[in-house]
Amino acid sequence: MPSALGRMIRGVRWYLRELTGESAYDRHVAHLRRDRPAARVPTRREFERMRTERQERDPRQGFRCC
């Protein structure tokens, strides 16, 4: 039973992180380390600032309806 409960909690946590965009930074860092190892990894704050600026330039980015 504890393993089933643990899987359920991990699944809910994953879903909420994906839904809120919280996991975007982790994916970005993984991408940089895998594809561009010499590139500087931005801090979480820098990443969120870049992401917000990108969304303000094109409000449709990140807000898909379909």
C-alpha atoms as a PDB file:
ATOM      1  CA  MET A   1       0.000   0.000   0.000  1.00  0.00           C
ATOM      2  CA  PRO A   2       2.739   2.573   0.796  1.00  0.00           C
ATOM      3  CA  SER A   3       4.227   2.186  -2.680  1.00  0.00           C
ATOM      4  CA  ALA A   4       0.852   2.837  -4.326  1.00  0.00           C
ATOM      5  CA  LEU A   5       0.353   5.931  -2.186  1.00  0.00           C
ATOM      6  CA  GLY A   6       3.865   7.111  -3.027  1.00  0.00           C
ATOM      7  CA  ARG A   7       3.238   6.672  -6.757  1.00  0.00           C
ATOM      8  CA  MET A   8       0.000   8.601  -6.460  1.00  0.00           C
ATOM      9  CA  ILE A   9       1.692  11.470  -4.597  1.00  0.00           C
ATOM     10  CA  ARG A  10       4.531  11.592  -7.154  1.00  0.00           C
ATOM     11  CA  GLY A  11       1.977  11.606  -9.971  1.00  0.00           C
ATOM     12  CA  VAL A  12       0.024  14.480  -8.434  1.00  0.00           C
ATOM     13  CA  ARG A  13       3.248  16.410  -7.818  1.00  0.00           C
ATOM     14  CA  TRP A  14       4.351  15.864 -11.439  1.00  0.00           C
ATOM     15  CA  TYR A  15       0.953  16.954 -12.751  1.00  0.00           C
ATOM     16  CA  LEU A  16       0.891  20.137 -10.671  1.00  0.00           C
ATOM     17  CA  ARG A  17       4.466  21.072 -11.675  1.00  0.00           C
ATOM     18  CA  GLU A  18       3.589  20.596 -15.358  1.00  0.00           C
ATOM     19  CA  LEU A  19       0.301  22.458 -15.027  1.00  0.00           C
ATOM     20  CA  THR A  20       1.886  25.494 -13.352  1.00  0.00           C
ATOM     21  CA  GLY A  21       5.037  25.544 -15.494  1.00  0.00           C
ATOM     22  CA  GLU A  22       7.249  24.907 -12.481  1.00  0.00           C
ATOM     23  CA  SER A  23       9.179  22.176 -14.311  1.00  0.00           C
ATOM     24  CA  ALA A  24      10.129  24.476 -17.224  1.00  0.00           C
ATOM     25  CA  TYR A  25      13.326  25.605 -15.476  1.00  0.00           C
ATOM     26  CA  ASP A  26      14.422  22.020 -14.829  1.00  0.00           C
ATOM     27  CA  ARG A  27      13.861  21.117 -18.498  1.00  0.00           C
ATOM     28  CA  HIS A  28      15.764  24.226 -19.622  1.00  0.00           C
ATOM     29  CA  VAL A  29      18.756  23.425 -17.419  1.00  0.00           C
ATOM     30  CA  ALA A  30      18.771  19.802 -18.613  1.00  0.00           C
ATOM     31  CA  HIS A  31      18.644  21.007 -22.224  1.00  0.00           C
ATOM     32  CA  LEU A  32      21.563  23.397 -21.733  1.00  0.00           C
ATOM     33  CA  ARG A  33      23.720  20.803 -19.975  1.00  0.00           C
ATOM     34  CA  ARG A  34      22.973  18.170 -22.627  1.00  0.00           C
ATOM     35  CA  ASP A  35      23.113  20.241 -25.830  1.00  0.00           C
ATOM     36  CA  ARG A  36      25.247  23.236 -24.917  1.00  0.00           C
ATOM     37  CA  PRO A  37      27.586  22.241 -22.065  1.00  0.00           C
ATOM     38  CA  ALA A  38      29.718  25.386 -22.437  1.00  0.00           C
ATOM     39  CA  ALA A  39      26.703  27.697 -22.066  1.00  0.00           C
ATOM     40  CA  ARG A  40      26.132  29.519 -18.801  1.00  0.00           C
ATOM     41  CA  VAL A  41      23.131  28.195 -16.870  1.00  0.00           C
ATOM     42  CA  PRO A  42      20.894  31.072 -15.775  1.00  0.00           C
ATOM     43  CA  THR A  43      19.686  31.320 -12.217  1.00  0.00           C
ATOM     44  CA  ARG A  44      16.052  30.531 -11.544  1.00  0.00           C
ATOM     45  CA  ARG A  45      15.335  34.248 -11.231  1.00  0.00           C
ATOM     46  CA  GLU A  46      17.044  35.061 -14.550  1.00  0.00           C
ATOM     47  CA  PHE A  47      15.142  32.249 -16.252  1.00  0.00           C
ATOM     48  CA  GLU A  48      11.793  33.463 -14.942  1.00  0.00           C
ATOM     49  CA  ARG A  49      12.604  37.011 -16.063  1.00  0.00           C
ATOM     50  CA  MET A  50      13.512  35.794 -19.580  1.00  0.00           C
ATOM     51  CA  ARG A  51      10.365  33.687 -19.693  1.00  0.00           C
ATOM     52  CA  THR A  52       8.143  36.586 -18.615  1.00  0.00           C
ATOM     53  CA  GLU A  53       9.723  38.946 -21.139  1.00  0.00           C
ATOM     54  CA  ARG A  54       9.244  36.369 -23.905  1.00  0.00           C
ATOM     55  CA  GLN A  55       5.585  35.953 -22.977  1.00  0.00           C
ATOM     56  CA  GLU A  56       5.038  39.708 -22.908  1.00  0.00           C
ATOM     57  CA  ARG A  57       6.522  40.059 -26.410  1.00  0.00           C
ATOM     58  CA  ASP A  58       4.197  37.353 -27.718  1.00  0.00           C
ATOM     59  CA  PRO A  59       1.271  36.746 -25.348  1.00  0.00           C
ATOM     60  CA  ARG A  60       0.300  33.578 -27.228  1.00  0.00           C
ATOM     61  CA  GLN A  61       3.521  31.864 -26.222  1.00  0.00           C
ATOM     62  CA  GLY A  62       2.867  29.523 -23.355  1.00  0.00           C
ATOM     63  CA  PHE A  63      -0.857  30.170 -23.409  1.00  0.00           C
ATOM     64  CA  ARG A  64      -2.197  27.679 -25.920  1.00  0.00           C
ATOM     65  CA  CYS A  65      -5.890  27.072 -26.046  1.00  0.00           C
ATOM     66  CA  CYS A  66      -5.744  24.062 -28.335  1.00  0.00           C
END
